[in-house]
Amino acid sequence: MGQIQFDMLERDGRYISVPKGISMRPMIRSGQDAVVIEKLTDKPKRYDLVVYVRGSEQGVIHRVIHAHDDKYIICGDNCWQFEYVLPEQIKGIVTEYCRKGKWHDVNYLPYRLYVRIWVDLIFLKRPVFYIRDKIKQKLKR
């Protein structure tokens, strides 16, 4: 997402995006799945999939791991590094997703189970993903 999409989100209250990148795999497949992003109306909570601004205007979709009053700890489903995000950086929240041509609400039971398992087991996922990324770095040399 860029500034044009943020402007559309601000103006229309929602935006449909086909995300690019691998940080949200296996939940969101780059260029294949779509998401509905809605303008924030409430504070994001643990497990929410939010859109936040990284740098000057790059929009990133990642999951809330911990919510505090003054900051959020965010991480992509395919990542091990936490990012610390201020409330004013968060611009929207994912409310629906489309996978294999079928739309699902984020209250869809299989999605909620996936999210709970994925986030609650992050203490296991982080070291595994860290080692995976280090091996990939060594193989690229």
Foldseek 3Di string as FASTA:
>chain_A
DFPVQLVCQVVVQKDKDQAADDLAPPVHDHRAKIWIKGFDPDQDAALWFFWFADPPTDTDTWGFLHDDPAWTWTGHLLAQDTDIGGRVRTTTTTQWMAHPRDIDGCVPVVNVVVSCVSSVCSVVVNVVSVVVVVVVVVVVD
